[in-house]
Amino acid sequence: MELNEFIKHFAEQFEETEENAFTPDTDFRELDEWSSLISLSIIAMVDEEYNVEINGEDFRQATTISDLYEVVKSKIQ
């Protein structure tokens, strides 16, 4: 699993935000389009793409896309 690939999948969950807005240091909660619905989409994407289950606590621990990537990476068997 690579960070750039994770960012690409993460960005695909957003319809209105430009792809160049997504970097490892992006604070995803600061994005105008961020919502609880998108968080559910990301949870589903992580499960589908990486076979990893994340939850609300995982989101609370993460501030940036890179933080969330590290959470997902740590859960890969």
PDB file of N, CA and C in Angstrom:
ATOM      1  N   MET A   1       0.849  -1.182   0.000  1.00  0.00           N
ATOM      2  CA  MET A   1       0.000   0.000   0.000  1.00  0.00           C
ATOM      3  C   MET A   1       0.894   1.243   0.000  1.00  0.00           C
ATOM      4  N   GLU A   2       0.655   2.121  -0.953  1.00  0.00           N
ATOM      5  CA  GLU A   2       1.443   3.353  -1.061  1.00  0.00           C
ATOM      6  C   GLU A   2       0.587   4.553  -0.678  1.00  0.00           C
ATOM      7  N   LEU A   3       1.231   5.561  -0.128  1.00  0.00           N
ATOM      8  CA  LEU A   3       0.532   6.769   0.296  1.00  0.00           C
ATOM      9  C   LEU A   3      -0.159   7.459  -0.876  1.00  0.00           C
ATOM     10  N   ASN A   4       0.521   7.580  -2.023  1.00  0.00           N
ATOM     11  CA  ASN A   4      -0.088   8.257  -3.178  1.00  0.00           C
ATOM     12  C   ASN A   4      -1.338   7.539  -3.662  1.00  0.00           C
ATOM     13  N   GLU A   5      -1.316   6.219  -3.619  1.00  0.00           N
ATOM     14  CA  GLU A   5      -2.487   5.432  -4.007  1.00  0.00           C
ATOM     15  C   GLU A   5      -3.625   5.675  -3.018  1.00  0.00           C
ATOM     16  N   PHE A   6      -3.301   5.706  -1.721  1.00  0.00           N
ATOM     17  CA  PHE A   6      -4.306   5.959  -0.696  1.00  0.00           C
ATOM     18  C   PHE A   6      -4.942   7.335  -0.889  1.00  0.00           C
ATOM     19  N   ILE A   7      -4.107   8.331  -1.170  1.00  0.00           N
ATOM     20  CA  ILE A   7      -4.622   9.693  -1.389  1.00  0.00           C
ATOM     21  C   ILE A   7      -5.558   9.711  -2.598  1.00  0.00           C
ATOM     22  N   LYS A   8      -5.197   8.996  -3.646  1.00  0.00           N
ATOM     23  CA  LYS A   8      -6.048   8.938  -4.850  1.00  0.00           C
ATOM     24  C   LYS A   8      -7.411   8.350  -4.501  1.00  0.00           C
ATOM     25  N   HIS A   9      -7.425   7.227  -3.791  1.00  0.00           N
ATOM     26  CA  HIS A   9      -8.687   6.609  -3.386  1.00  0.00           C
ATOM     27  C   HIS A   9      -9.473   7.533  -2.451  1.00  0.00           C
ATOM     28  N   PHE A  10      -8.774   8.196  -1.553  1.00  0.00           N
ATOM     29  CA  PHE A  10      -9.406   9.137  -0.620  1.00  0.00           C
ATOM     30  C   PHE A  10     -10.082  10.258  -1.402  1.00  0.00           C
ATOM     31  N   ALA A  11      -9.362  10.825  -2.368  1.00  0.00           N
ATOM     32  CA  ALA A  11      -9.878  11.949  -3.163  1.00  0.00           C
ATOM     33  C   ALA A  11     -11.097  11.548  -3.988  1.00  0.00           C
ATOM     34  N   GLU A  12     -11.161  10.294  -4.417  1.00  0.00           N
ATOM     35  CA  GLU A  12     -12.283   9.820  -5.229  1.00  0.00           C
ATOM     36  C   GLU A  12     -13.611   9.859  -4.470  1.00  0.00           C
ATOM     37  N   GLN A  13     -13.566   9.978  -3.146  1.00  0.00           N
ATOM     38  CA  GLN A  13     -14.794  10.017  -2.350  1.00  0.00           C
ATOM     39  C   GLN A  13     -15.440  11.408  -2.377  1.00  0.00           C
ATOM     40  N   PHE A  14     -14.723  12.374  -2.901  1.00  0.00           N
ATOM     41  CA  PHE A  14     -15.202  13.751  -2.963  1.00  0.00           C
ATOM     42  C   PHE A  14     -15.609  14.076  -4.396  1.00  0.00           C
ATOM     43  N   GLU A  15     -16.739  14.729  -4.561  1.00  0.00           N
ATOM     44  CA  GLU A  15     -17.223  15.064  -5.899  1.00  0.00           C
ATOM     45  C   GLU A  15     -16.840  16.472  -6.330  1.00  0.00           C
ATOM     46  N   GLU A  16     -16.769  17.400  -5.389  1.00  0.00           N
ATOM     47  CA  GLU A  16     -16.592  18.810  -5.740  1.00  0.00           C
ATOM     48  C   GLU A  16     -15.198  19.363  -5.457  1.00  0.00           C
ATOM     49  N   THR A  17     -14.424  18.669  -4.658  1.00  0.00           N
ATOM     50  CA  THR A  17     -13.100  19.166  -4.279  1.00  0.00           C
ATOM     51  C   THR A  17     -12.078  18.766  -5.337  1.00  0.00           C
ATOM     52  N   GLU A  18     -11.271  19.733  -5.770  1.00  0.00           N
ATOM     53  CA  GLU A  18     -10.237  19.474  -6.779  1.00  0.00           C
ATOM     54  C   GLU A  18      -9.218  18.464  -6.253  1.00  0.00           C
ATOM     55  N   GLU A  19      -8.755  17.605  -7.136  1.00  0.00           N
ATOM     56  CA  GLU A  19      -7.812  16.562  -6.739  1.00  0.00           C
ATOM     57  C   GLU A  19      -6.518  17.132  -6.160  1.00  0.00           C
ATOM     58  N   ASN A  20      -6.095  18.303  -6.636  1.00  0.00           N
ATOM     59  CA  ASN A  20      -4.845  18.881  -6.134  1.00  0.00           C
ATOM     60  C   ASN A  20      -4.971  19.407  -4.699  1.00  0.00           C
ATOM     61  N   ALA A  21      -6.188  19.379  -4.142  1.00  0.00           N
ATOM     62  CA  ALA A  21      -6.382  19.786  -2.742  1.00  0.00           C
ATOM     63  C   ALA A  21      -5.950  18.690  -1.775  1.00  0.00           C
ATOM     64  N   PHE A  22      -5.699  17.502  -2.299  1.00  0.00           N
ATOM     65  CA  PHE A  22      -5.377  16.356  -1.455  1.00  0.00           C
ATOM     66  C   PHE A  22      -3.881  16.077  -1.463  1.00  0.00           C
ATOM     67  N   THR A  23      -3.252  16.278  -0.313  1.00  0.00           N
ATOM     68  CA  THR A  23      -1.837  15.977  -0.115  1.00  0.00           C
ATOM     69  C   THR A  23      -1.723  15.205   1.198  1.00  0.00           C
ATOM     70  N   PRO A  24      -0.555  14.645   1.486  1.00  0.00           N
ATOM     71  CA  PRO A  24      -0.407  13.946   2.767  1.00  0.00           C
ATOM     72  C   PRO A  24      -0.739  14.834   3.972  1.00  0.00           C
ATOM     73  N   ASP A  25      -0.469  16.134   3.857  1.00  0.00           N
ATOM     74  CA  ASP A  25      -0.664  17.054   4.977  1.00  0.00           C
ATOM     75  C   ASP A  25      -2.047  17.710   5.019  1.00  0.00           C
ATOM     76  N   THR A  26      -2.936  17.329   4.094  1.00  0.00           N
ATOM     77  CA  THR A  26      -4.277  17.913   4.065  1.00  0.00           C
ATOM     78  C   THR A  26      -5.050  17.522   5.323  1.00  0.00           C
ATOM     79  N   ASP A  27      -5.550  18.534   6.036  1.00  0.00           N
ATOM     80  CA  ASP A  27      -6.453  18.300   7.166  1.00  0.00           C
ATOM     81  C   ASP A  27      -7.839  18.113   6.561  1.00  0.00           C
ATOM     82  N   PHE A  28      -8.252  16.865   6.434  1.00  0.00           N
ATOM     83  CA  PHE A  28      -9.473  16.577   5.673  1.00  0.00           C
ATOM     84  C   PHE A  28     -10.726  17.176   6.293  1.00  0.00           C
ATOM     85  N   ARG A  29     -10.732  17.411   7.594  1.00  0.00           N
ATOM     86  CA  ARG A  29     -11.909  18.027   8.231  1.00  0.00           C
ATOM     87  C   ARG A  29     -12.073  19.498   7.834  1.00  0.00           C
ATOM     88  N   GLU A  30     -11.010  20.111   7.337  1.00  0.00           N
ATOM     89  CA  GLU A  30     -11.046  21.512   6.921  1.00  0.00           C
ATOM     90  C   GLU A  30     -11.592  21.687   5.503  1.00  0.00           C
ATOM     91  N   LEU A  31     -11.729  20.598   4.764  1.00  0.00           N
ATOM     92  CA  LEU A  31     -12.254  20.677   3.399  1.00  0.00           C
ATOM     93  C   LEU A  31     -13.732  21.049   3.454  1.00  0.00           C
ATOM     94  N   ASP A  32     -14.146  21.971   2.587  1.00  0.00           N
ATOM     95  CA  ASP A  32     -15.539  22.432   2.567  1.00  0.00           C
ATOM     96  C   ASP A  32     -16.523  21.286   2.377  1.00  0.00           C
ATOM     97  N   GLU A  33     -16.129  20.309   1.621  1.00  0.00           N
ATOM     98  CA  GLU A  33     -17.033  19.210   1.267  1.00  0.00           C
ATOM     99  C   GLU A  33     -17.106  18.116   2.348  1.00  0.00           C
ATOM    100  N   TRP A  34     -16.233  18.175   3.354  1.00  0.00           N
ATOM    101  CA  TRP A  34     -16.183  17.130   4.379  1.00  0.00           C
ATOM    102  C   TRP A  34     -17.530  17.012   5.087  1.00  0.00           C
ATOM    103  N   SER A  35     -17.978  15.776   5.264  1.00  0.00           N
ATOM    104  CA  SER A  35     -19.236  15.522   5.963  1.00  0.00           C
ATOM    105  C   SER A  35     -19.213  14.115   6.552  1.00  0.00           C
ATOM    106  N   SER A  36     -20.203  13.818   7.370  1.00  0.00           N
ATOM    107  CA  SER A  36     -20.289  12.469   7.933  1.00  0.00           C
ATOM    108  C   SER A  36     -20.550  11.441   6.826  1.00  0.00           C
ATOM    109  N   LEU A  37     -21.253  11.845   5.771  1.00  0.00           N
ATOM    110  CA  LEU A  37     -21.499  10.940   4.652  1.00  0.00           C
ATOM    111  C   LEU A  37     -20.196  10.573   3.942  1.00  0.00           C
ATOM    112  N   ILE A  38     -19.321  11.542   3.769  1.00  0.00           N
ATOM    113  CA  ILE A  38     -18.022  11.260   3.143  1.00  0.00           C
ATOM    114  C   ILE A  38     -17.173  10.378   4.059  1.00  0.00           C
ATOM    115  N   SER A  39     -17.259  10.604   5.368  1.00  0.00           N
ATOM    116  CA  SER A  39     -16.497   9.737   6.281  1.00  0.00           C
ATOM    117  C   SER A  39     -16.958   8.290   6.135  1.00  0.00           C
ATOM    118  N   LEU A  40     -18.263   8.071   5.965  1.00  0.00           N
ATOM    119  CA  LEU A  40     -18.772   6.718   5.742  1.00  0.00           C
ATOM    120  C   LEU A  40     -18.275   6.156   4.415  1.00  0.00           C
ATOM    121  N   SER A  41     -18.193   7.002   3.391  1.00  0.00           N
ATOM    122  CA  SER A  41     -17.650   6.573   2.095  1.00  0.00           C
ATOM    123  C   SER A  41     -16.191   6.147   2.231  1.00  0.00           C
ATOM    124  N   ILE A  42     -15.439   6.876   3.036  1.00  0.00           N
ATOM    125  CA  ILE A  42     -14.022   6.543   3.237  1.00  0.00           C
ATOM    126  C   ILE A  42     -13.890   5.234   4.005  1.00  0.00           C
ATOM    127  N   ILE A  43     -14.747   5.036   5.012  1.00  0.00           N
ATOM    128  CA  ILE A  43     -14.741   3.777   5.754  1.00  0.00           C
ATOM    129  C   ILE A  43     -15.008   2.614   4.795  1.00  0.00           C
ATOM    130  N   ALA A  44     -15.993   2.780   3.908  1.00  0.00           N
ATOM    131  CA  ALA A  44     -16.316   1.735   2.933  1.00  0.00           C
ATOM    132  C   ALA A  44     -15.179   1.521   1.941  1.00  0.00           C
ATOM    133  N   MET A  45     -14.557   2.614   1.487  1.00  0.00           N
ATOM    134  CA  MET A  45     -13.448   2.512   0.541  1.00  0.00           C
ATOM    135  C   MET A  45     -12.281   1.755   1.165  1.00  0.00           C
ATOM    136  N   VAL A  46     -11.952   2.071   2.420  1.00  0.00           N
ATOM    137  CA  VAL A  46     -10.832   1.404   3.097  1.00  0.00           C
ATOM    138  C   VAL A  46     -11.122  -0.092   3.237  1.00  0.00           C
ATOM    139  N   ASP A  47     -12.366  -0.421   3.564  1.00  0.00           N
ATOM    140  CA  ASP A  47     -12.749  -1.831   3.689  1.00  0.00           C
ATOM    141  C   ASP A  47     -12.633  -2.545   2.346  1.00  0.00           C
ATOM    142  N   GLU A  48     -13.131  -1.893   1.295  1.00  0.00           N
ATOM    143  CA  GLU A  48     -13.132  -2.508  -0.033  1.00  0.00           C
ATOM    144  C   GLU A  48     -11.734  -2.611  -0.634  1.00  0.00           C
ATOM    145  N   GLU A  49     -10.963  -1.525  -0.573  1.00  0.00           N
ATOM    146  CA  GLU A  49      -9.648  -1.482  -1.227  1.00  0.00           C
ATOM    147  C   GLU A  49      -8.553  -2.193  -0.425  1.00  0.00           C
ATOM    148  N   TYR A  50      -8.636  -2.108   0.905  1.00  0.00           N
ATOM    149  CA  TYR A  50      -7.532  -2.588   1.740  1.00  0.00           C
ATOM    150  C   TYR A  50      -7.939  -3.702   2.707  1.00  0.00           C
ATOM    151  N   ASN A  51      -9.240  -4.062   2.691  1.00  0.00           N
ATOM    152  CA  ASN A  51      -9.749  -5.101   3.580  1.00  0.00           C
ATOM    153  C   ASN A  51      -9.434  -4.785   5.049  1.00  0.00           C
ATOM    154  N   VAL A  52      -9.623  -3.512   5.409  1.00  0.00           N
ATOM    155  CA  VAL A  52      -9.350  -3.020   6.761  1.00  0.00           C
ATOM    156  C   VAL A  52     -10.587  -2.301   7.261  1.00  0.00           C
ATOM    157  N   GLU A  53     -10.956  -2.582   8.498  1.00  0.00           N
ATOM    158  CA  GLU A  53     -12.088  -1.896   9.110  1.00  0.00           C
ATOM    159  C   GLU A  53     -11.580  -0.748   9.976  1.00  0.00           C
ATOM    160  N   ILE A  54     -12.066   0.466   9.687  1.00  0.00           N
ATOM    161  CA  ILE A  54     -11.758   1.613  10.529  1.00  0.00           C
ATOM    162  C   ILE A  54     -13.073   2.128  11.102  1.00  0.00           C
ATOM    163  N   ASN A  55     -12.971   2.898  12.188  1.00  0.00           N
ATOM    164  CA  ASN A  55     -14.171   3.387  12.855  1.00  0.00           C
ATOM    165  C   ASN A  55     -14.019   4.859  13.210  1.00  0.00           C
ATOM    166  N   GLY A  56     -15.002   5.385  13.887  1.00  0.00           N
ATOM    167  CA  GLY A  56     -14.984   6.796  14.269  1.00  0.00           C
ATOM    168  C   GLY A  56     -13.792   7.164  15.122  1.00  0.00           C
ATOM    169  N   GLU A  57     -13.380   6.266  15.999  1.00  0.00           N
ATOM    170  CA  GLU A  57     -12.213   6.531  16.852  1.00  0.00           C
ATOM    171  C   GLU A  57     -10.956   6.687  15.992  1.00  0.00           C
ATOM    172  N   ASP A  58     -10.846   5.883  14.945  1.00  0.00           N
ATOM    173  CA  ASP A  58      -9.697   6.004  14.036  1.00  0.00           C
ATOM    174  C   ASP A  58      -9.681   7.389  13.390  1.00  0.00           C
ATOM    175  N   PHE A  59     -10.865   7.891  13.015  1.00  0.00           N
ATOM    176  CA  PHE A  59     -10.958   9.240  12.442  1.00  0.00           C
ATOM    177  C   PHE A  59     -10.592  10.295  13.477  1.00  0.00           C
ATOM    178  N   ARG A  60     -11.015  10.104  14.707  1.00  0.00           N
ATOM    179  CA  ARG A  60     -10.704  11.093  15.751  1.00  0.00           C
ATOM    180  C   ARG A  60      -9.199  11.176  16.010  1.00  0.00           C
ATOM    181  N   GLN A  61      -8.504  10.068  15.836  1.00  0.00           N
ATOM    182  CA  GLN A  61      -7.053  10.054  16.052  1.00  0.00           C
ATOM    183  C   GLN A  61      -6.294  10.713  14.901  1.00  0.00           C
ATOM    184  N   ALA A  62      -6.923  10.804  13.748  1.00  0.00           N
ATOM    185  CA  ALA A  62      -6.252  11.308  12.541  1.00  0.00           C
ATOM    186  C   ALA A  62      -6.644  12.755  12.278  1.00  0.00           C
ATOM    187  N   THR A  63      -5.644  13.565  11.942  1.00  0.00           N
ATOM    188  CA  THR A  63      -5.879  14.944  11.559  1.00  0.00           C
ATOM    189  C   THR A  63      -5.688  15.127  10.059  1.00  0.00           C
ATOM    190  N   THR A  64      -4.677  14.479   9.526  1.00  0.00           N
ATOM    191  CA  THR A  64      -4.349  14.620   8.110  1.00  0.00           C
ATOM    192  C   THR A  64      -4.597  13.300   7.366  1.00  0.00           C
ATOM    193  N   ILE A  65      -4.560  13.372   6.057  1.00  0.00           N
ATOM    194  CA  ILE A  65      -4.702  12.159   5.253  1.00  0.00           C
ATOM    195  C   ILE A  65      -3.564  11.195   5.579  1.00  0.00           C
ATOM    196  N   SER A  66      -2.387  11.709   5.781  1.00  0.00           N
ATOM    197  CA  SER A  66      -1.241  10.875   6.136  1.00  0.00           C
ATOM    198  C   SER A  66      -1.476  10.153   7.465  1.00  0.00           C
ATOM    199  N   ASP A  67      -2.071  10.844   8.437  1.00  0.00           N
ATOM    200  CA  ASP A  67      -2.390  10.210   9.725  1.00  0.00           C
ATOM    201  C   ASP A  67      -3.337   9.028   9.517  1.00  0.00           C
ATOM    202  N   LEU A  68      -4.370   9.238   8.711  1.00  0.00           N
ATOM    203  CA  LEU A  68      -5.341   8.178   8.466  1.00  0.00           C
ATOM    204  C   LEU A  68      -4.685   7.024   7.708  1.00  0.00           C
ATOM    205  N   TYR A  69      -3.818   7.349   6.782  1.00  0.00           N
ATOM    206  CA  TYR A  69      -3.062   6.328   6.048  1.00  0.00           C
ATOM    207  C   TYR A  69      -2.279   5.454   7.031  1.00  0.00           C
ATOM    208  N   GLU A  70      -1.637   6.074   8.002  1.00  0.00           N
ATOM    209  CA  GLU A  70      -0.845   5.319   8.981  1.00  0.00           C
ATOM    210  C   GLU A  70      -1.731   4.415   9.824  1.00  0.00           C
ATOM    211  N   VAL A  71      -2.940   4.880  10.167  1.00  0.00           N
ATOM    212  CA  VAL A  71      -3.893   4.047  10.921  1.00  0.00           C
ATOM    213  C   VAL A  71      -4.262   2.818  10.087  1.00  0.00           C
ATOM    214  N   VAL A  72      -4.602   3.049   8.818  1.00  0.00           N
ATOM    215  CA  VAL A  72      -4.985   1.940   7.940  1.00  0.00           C
ATOM    216  C   VAL A  72      -3.802   0.988   7.756  1.00  0.00           C
ATOM    217  N   LYS A  73      -2.642   1.531   7.514  1.00  0.00           N
ATOM    218  CA  LYS A  73      -1.435   0.716   7.295  1.00  0.00           C
ATOM    219  C   LYS A  73      -1.146  -0.162   8.519  1.00  0.00           C
ATOM    220  N   SER A  74      -1.366   0.379   9.704  1.00  0.00           N
ATOM    221  CA  SER A  74      -1.087  -0.372  10.927  1.00  0.00           C
ATOM    222  C   SER A  74      -2.059  -1.545  11.119  1.00  0.00           C
ATOM    223  N   LYS A  75      -3.206  -1.502  10.451  1.00  0.00           N
ATOM    224  CA  LYS A  75      -4.214  -2.544  10.599  1.00  0.00           C
ATOM    225  C   LYS A  75      -4.145  -3.619   9.510  1.00  0.00           C
ATOM    226  N   ILE A  76      -3.295  -3.420   8.518  1.00  0.00           N
ATOM    227  CA  ILE A  76      -3.170  -4.425   7.452  1.00  0.00           C
ATOM    228  C   ILE A  76      -2.455  -5.641   8.015  1.00  0.00           C
ATOM    229  N   GLN A  77      -3.059  -6.785   7.785  1.00  0.00           N
ATOM    230  CA  GLN A  77      -2.512  -8.046   8.325  1.00  0.00           C
ATOM    231  C   GLN A  77      -1.241  -8.437   7.597  1.00  0.00           C
TER     232      GLN A  77
END
